[in-house]
Amino acid sequence: MSKYQISPSSLLVLTSDFGDHDVYVGVIKGVIAQINPLLSVVDLTHQIPPQNLAAARFCLMNAYPYFPVGTVHMAVIDPGVGSKRRAIAVELAQGFLVGPDNGIFSGVLSQSPAVTAVELTNPHYWRTPEPSNTFHGRDIFAPVAAHLASGVPITELGQEINPETLIQLNIGECIQTNTGVTGCIQYIDYFGNLVSNIPEMYVQGKTWCVQAAGLSIPGCATYSDVKVGEVAALVGSHGWVEIAINGGNAHSQLQINLQDALQVLFLEKNQTTEN
């Protein structure tokens, strides 16, 4: 029987680059269950490309608004594990973040500013006071997240730090110009769709195209607005302008990669684009 009282908002969401081949995810869930087996645990994804901080940032930023108030998100994409990078917990208006201070939370924090941030310096809430140098997910982040989701105040977990000192991940700027918007690719999804850092608000109500890799790609509403095998630019369900190929993989076919530049151009109603 858990020593904690469970409320409807006692939800713990896991994100990592551990994959499903090894035991790492199962071990983390075991540690959480040892602390509080009554917690509801959701796997957001464990398929973040290994050590890909930008992908983790994007996935967390876009998933965070869909969870209930009070949800604790534990994310472990941690190429600096065992180094001097800080282990942190952050309180937001709608929930909490637990993980390494390496920029993976900077997307969420750009939309939901931190209320309180702490460095995880209190070993009472770790699995062991002598954690592994290579598996802080098991020994620090999972137990801390379980205690936090069970009602332990965030200020009990360690020393308070200035939220402004949290690491920001630089993915490139989105800049409005006289003729459109410049940006870059911030994420590549499972289907090979190339998601930019240009939000929907810039193209709403406009006729537009995307210029990238020597192509001029017409803006449209759905993938099926172009023929199978053709390139399209549209706003995905995540709210960002993306480049896709109907029935194909834009990443492999166009050879456009993370942080590659692109430009949205605004067109007159009667203008067309040429590839």
Protein backbone atom coordinates (compact mmCIF):
# COMPACT_ATOMS: atom_id res chain seq x y z
CA MET A 1 0.00 0.00 0.00
CA SER A 2 1.36 3.39 -0.98
CA LYS A 3 1.99 5.90 1.80
CA TYR A 4 0.77 8.68 -0.52
CA GLN A 5 -2.72 9.98 -1.12
CA ILE A 6 -3.59 9.86 -4.81
CA SER A 7 -5.64 12.55 -6.53
CA PRO A 8 -7.11 12.43 -10.05
CA SER A 9 -4.20 14.59 -11.25
CA SER A 10 -1.51 12.15 -10.09
CA LEU A 11 -0.19 11.48 -13.57
CA LEU A 12 3.44 10.86 -14.52
CA VAL A 13 4.44 11.09 -18.20
CA LEU A 14 7.70 9.58 -19.44
CA THR A 15 9.80 10.68 -22.43
CA SER A 16 13.21 9.26 -23.33
CA ASP A 17 15.55 8.10 -26.07
CA PHE A 18 15.83 4.62 -24.50
CA GLY A 19 13.88 2.77 -27.22
CA ASP A 20 12.17 -0.53 -26.51
CA HIS A 21 15.03 -2.98 -27.06
CA ASP A 22 16.66 -2.77 -23.63
CA VAL A 23 15.33 -2.87 -20.06
CA TYR A 24 15.84 0.82 -19.25
CA VAL A 25 12.20 1.89 -19.55
CA GLY A 26 10.98 -1.09 -17.54
CA VAL A 27 13.53 -0.41 -14.81
CA ILE A 28 12.40 3.21 -14.54
CA LYS A 29 8.79 2.07 -14.17
CA GLY A 30 9.88 -0.39 -11.50
CA VAL A 31 11.56 2.39 -9.52
CA ILE A 32 8.39 4.51 -9.78
CA ALA A 33 6.24 1.59 -8.64
CA GLN A 34 8.49 0.98 -5.63
CA ILE A 35 7.78 4.53 -4.49
CA ASN A 36 4.09 4.67 -5.39
CA PRO A 37 2.43 1.82 -7.31
CA LEU A 38 -0.83 3.78 -7.48
CA LEU A 39 0.51 6.44 -9.82
CA SER A 40 -0.79 6.51 -13.39
CA VAL A 41 2.17 6.35 -15.77
CA VAL A 42 1.93 7.34 -19.45
CA ASP A 43 4.64 6.70 -22.05
CA LEU A 44 4.74 9.77 -24.27
CA THR A 45 7.54 8.28 -26.36
CA HIS A 46 10.79 6.40 -25.85
CA GLN A 47 11.72 6.71 -29.53
CA ILE A 48 13.43 10.11 -29.43
CA PRO A 49 16.51 9.68 -31.67
CA PRO A 50 19.50 8.99 -29.41
CA GLN A 51 20.76 12.17 -27.72
CA ASN A 52 18.64 14.36 -30.00
CA LEU A 53 17.85 17.32 -27.75
CA ALA A 54 16.03 19.26 -30.47
CA ALA A 55 13.60 16.39 -31.09
CA ALA A 56 12.95 16.04 -27.36
CA ARG A 57 12.34 19.77 -27.07
CA PHE A 58 9.82 19.68 -29.92
CA CYS A 59 7.92 16.63 -28.68
CA LEU A 60 7.62 17.91 -25.12
CA MET A 61 6.55 21.39 -26.26
CA ASN A 62 3.80 20.02 -28.46
CA ALA A 63 2.54 17.35 -26.05
CA TYR A 64 2.52 19.38 -22.83
CA PRO A 65 -0.79 21.28 -23.39
CA TYR A 66 -2.76 18.05 -23.81
CA PHE A 67 -2.27 16.74 -20.26
CA PRO A 68 -4.27 17.56 -17.11
CA VAL A 69 -3.27 20.21 -14.61
CA GLY A 70 -0.74 18.78 -12.16
CA THR A 71 0.86 16.31 -14.57
CA VAL A 72 4.54 15.58 -13.96
CA HIS A 73 6.65 15.16 -17.12
CA MET A 74 9.89 13.26 -16.64
CA ALA A 75 12.18 13.45 -19.67
CA VAL A 76 15.54 11.69 -19.97
CA ILE A 77 17.50 12.61 -23.08
CA ASP A 78 20.79 13.15 -21.35
CA PRO A 79 24.07 13.07 -23.28
CA GLY A 80 25.69 14.95 -20.38
CA VAL A 81 24.76 12.37 -17.72
CA GLY A 82 27.40 12.21 -14.99
CA SER A 83 28.85 15.60 -15.90
CA LYS A 84 28.33 18.92 -14.12
CA ARG A 85 25.05 19.59 -15.94
CA ARG A 86 22.28 20.22 -13.41
CA ALA A 87 19.45 17.83 -12.60
CA ILE A 88 16.30 19.94 -12.21
CA ALA A 89 12.61 20.05 -11.42
CA VAL A 90 10.47 22.94 -12.65
CA GLU A 91 6.99 23.96 -11.57
CA LEU A 92 4.72 25.59 -14.16
CA ALA A 93 1.19 26.91 -13.84
CA GLN A 94 -0.18 23.64 -15.28
CA GLY A 95 2.30 21.02 -14.06
CA PHE A 96 5.91 19.98 -13.51
CA LEU A 97 9.04 19.03 -15.46
CA VAL A 98 11.82 16.73 -14.20
CA GLY A 99 15.04 15.96 -16.05
CA PRO A 100 18.45 17.29 -17.07
CA ASP A 101 19.04 21.01 -17.54
CA ASN A 102 20.21 20.75 -21.14
CA GLY A 103 17.55 22.64 -23.09
CA ILE A 104 14.97 19.88 -23.64
CA PHE A 105 12.42 21.86 -21.61
CA SER A 106 13.07 25.20 -23.32
CA GLY A 107 10.21 24.75 -25.79
CA VAL A 108 7.67 24.17 -23.02
CA LEU A 109 9.10 27.06 -21.03
CA SER A 110 8.80 29.40 -24.03
CA GLN A 111 5.04 28.89 -23.82
CA SER A 112 4.55 28.28 -20.08
CA PRO A 113 7.07 30.22 -17.96
CA ALA A 114 8.50 28.61 -14.85
CA VAL A 115 6.98 29.41 -11.47
CA THR A 116 9.68 27.67 -9.44
CA ALA A 117 12.84 25.78 -10.37
CA VAL A 118 15.10 23.66 -8.18
CA GLU A 119 18.33 21.78 -8.64
CA LEU A 120 17.83 18.21 -7.38
CA THR A 121 20.31 18.28 -4.53
CA ASN A 122 18.33 16.41 -1.84
CA PRO A 123 19.37 12.72 -1.99
CA HIS A 124 16.51 11.79 0.37
CA TYR A 125 14.31 11.66 -2.74
CA TRP A 126 16.81 9.77 -4.90
CA ARG A 127 16.87 5.98 -5.24
CA THR A 128 20.34 6.00 -3.70
CA PRO A 129 22.65 8.72 -2.37
CA GLU A 130 25.34 7.31 -4.66
CA PRO A 131 23.70 7.35 -8.09
CA SER A 132 25.17 5.73 -11.18
CA ASN A 133 27.24 8.05 -13.35
CA THR A 134 25.40 6.76 -16.43
CA PHE A 135 21.76 6.23 -15.35
CA HIS A 136 20.35 9.27 -13.57
CA GLY A 137 16.98 8.36 -15.09
CA ARG A 138 16.82 5.40 -12.74
CA ASP A 139 18.57 6.81 -9.69
CA ILE A 140 17.50 10.48 -9.61
CA PHE A 141 14.84 11.52 -12.13
CA ALA A 142 12.39 8.60 -11.77
CA PRO A 143 12.26 8.63 -7.96
CA VAL A 144 12.09 12.43 -7.81
CA ALA A 145 9.28 12.48 -10.38
CA ALA A 146 7.38 9.79 -8.46
CA HIS A 147 7.65 11.73 -5.19
CA LEU A 148 6.63 14.95 -6.93
CA ALA A 149 3.61 13.30 -8.58
CA SER A 150 2.69 11.90 -5.16
CA GLY A 151 2.50 15.34 -3.60
CA VAL A 152 5.97 16.15 -2.28
CA PRO A 153 6.48 19.95 -2.57
CA ILE A 154 9.00 20.88 -5.22
CA THR A 155 10.98 22.98 -2.75
CA GLU A 156 11.74 19.80 -0.75
CA LEU A 157 13.62 18.31 -3.68
CA GLY A 158 16.63 20.60 -3.67
CA GLN A 159 17.98 24.11 -3.81
CA GLU A 160 15.92 26.77 -5.59
CA ILE A 161 17.54 28.28 -8.67
CA ASN A 162 16.71 31.24 -10.86
CA PRO A 163 14.53 30.01 -13.75
CA GLU A 164 16.30 32.51 -16.01
CA THR A 165 19.48 30.42 -15.66
CA LEU A 166 17.90 27.30 -17.20
CA ILE A 167 19.59 26.22 -20.41
CA GLN A 168 17.96 27.38 -23.64
CA LEU A 169 18.34 25.22 -26.73
CA ASN A 170 19.08 27.33 -29.80
CA ILE A 171 17.16 25.93 -32.76
CA GLY A 172 17.36 29.03 -34.95
CA GLU A 173 15.19 32.10 -35.20
CA CYS A 174 11.91 32.70 -36.97
CA ILE A 175 12.08 36.20 -38.51
CA GLN A 176 9.35 38.11 -40.34
CA THR A 177 10.44 40.03 -43.43
CA ASN A 178 8.70 42.37 -45.88
CA THR A 179 7.86 39.46 -48.17
CA GLY A 180 7.42 36.56 -45.78
CA VAL A 181 9.10 34.69 -42.94
CA THR A 182 12.49 32.99 -42.64
CA GLY A 183 13.06 30.01 -40.39
CA CYS A 184 14.56 26.55 -40.21
CA ILE A 185 13.65 22.89 -39.76
CA GLN A 186 13.19 22.12 -36.06
CA TYR A 187 11.92 18.52 -36.22
CA ILE A 188 11.62 15.55 -38.57
CA ASP A 189 8.82 13.15 -37.71
CA TYR A 190 8.46 9.39 -38.27
CA PHE A 191 6.93 9.96 -41.71
CA GLY A 192 9.82 12.17 -42.82
CA ASN A 193 7.76 15.36 -42.67
CA LEU A 194 10.00 18.40 -42.19
CA VAL A 195 8.56 20.60 -39.46
CA SER A 196 9.73 24.20 -39.43
CA ASN A 197 9.88 26.72 -36.59
CA ILE A 198 7.39 28.99 -38.41
CA PRO A 199 4.02 28.99 -36.59
CA GLU A 200 0.64 28.90 -38.27
CA MET A 201 -0.24 32.50 -37.39
CA TYR A 202 2.10 33.83 -40.09
CA VAL A 203 0.29 32.09 -42.96
CA GLN A 204 -3.33 32.20 -41.83
CA GLY A 205 -5.54 33.83 -44.48
CA LYS A 206 -2.63 34.23 -46.92
CA THR A 207 -1.55 32.69 -50.20
CA TRP A 208 1.96 31.43 -49.67
CA CYS A 209 4.72 29.08 -50.68
CA VAL A 210 7.85 27.68 -49.07
CA GLN A 211 11.29 28.01 -50.64
CA ALA A 212 13.79 25.38 -49.56
CA ALA A 213 16.56 23.32 -51.17
CA GLY A 214 16.07 25.13 -54.46
CA LEU A 215 12.35 24.34 -54.59
CA SER A 216 9.30 26.59 -54.49
CA ILE A 217 6.61 24.55 -52.73
CA PRO A 218 2.97 25.68 -52.76
CA GLY A 219 1.17 26.14 -49.49
CA CYS A 220 -1.96 24.01 -49.19
CA ALA A 221 -4.40 22.70 -46.58
CA THR A 222 -3.93 18.90 -46.68
CA TYR A 223 -1.47 16.29 -47.96
CA SER A 224 -4.01 15.18 -50.58
CA ASP A 225 -4.13 18.65 -52.14
CA VAL A 226 -1.20 17.48 -54.25
CA LYS A 227 -0.78 14.26 -56.25
CA VAL A 228 0.89 11.21 -54.71
CA GLY A 229 4.64 11.75 -54.84
CA GLU A 230 4.39 15.53 -55.07
CA VAL A 231 5.79 17.99 -52.52
CA ALA A 232 3.49 20.20 -50.45
CA ALA A 233 3.82 22.78 -47.70
CA LEU A 234 1.10 22.93 -45.07
CA VAL A 235 0.40 23.55 -41.41
CA GLY A 236 0.51 20.28 -39.49
CA SER A 237 -1.67 19.31 -36.53
CA HIS A 238 1.09 20.65 -34.27
CA GLY A 239 0.55 24.19 -35.61
CA TRP A 240 3.84 24.64 -37.51
CA VAL A 241 4.51 25.00 -41.21
CA GLU A 242 5.92 21.75 -42.58
CA ILE A 243 7.17 20.29 -45.87
CA ALA A 244 5.76 16.90 -46.83
CA ILE A 245 5.49 14.54 -49.78
CA ASN A 246 2.09 12.95 -50.33
CA GLY A 247 2.73 9.25 -49.82
CA GLY A 248 6.47 9.77 -49.48
CA ASN A 249 9.29 10.76 -47.15
CA ALA A 250 10.33 14.41 -47.57
CA HIS A 251 13.44 14.02 -45.42
CA SER A 252 14.99 11.23 -47.48
CA GLN A 253 13.76 12.42 -50.88
CA LEU A 254 14.64 16.11 -50.53
CA GLN A 255 17.75 15.68 -48.36
CA ILE A 256 16.67 18.54 -46.08
CA ASN A 257 17.90 18.16 -42.51
CA LEU A 258 17.50 19.60 -39.03
CA GLN A 259 18.27 23.32 -38.83
CA ASP A 260 18.38 23.71 -42.61
CA ALA A 261 16.97 27.08 -43.65
CA LEU A 262 13.68 27.72 -45.40
CA GLN A 263 11.56 30.72 -46.28
CA VAL A 264 7.83 31.31 -46.46
CA LEU A 265 6.93 33.81 -49.19
CA PHE A 266 3.55 35.56 -49.35
CA LEU A 267 1.96 35.63 -52.79
CA GLU A 268 -0.73 37.64 -54.50
CA LYS A 269 -3.98 35.72 -54.95
CA ASN A 270 -3.33 35.13 -58.66
CA GLN A 271 0.35 34.19 -58.29
CA THR A 272 1.50 30.61 -58.82
CA THR A 273 4.69 28.82 -57.89
CA GLU A 274 7.05 26.85 -60.07
CA ASN A 275 9.25 24.02 -58.83
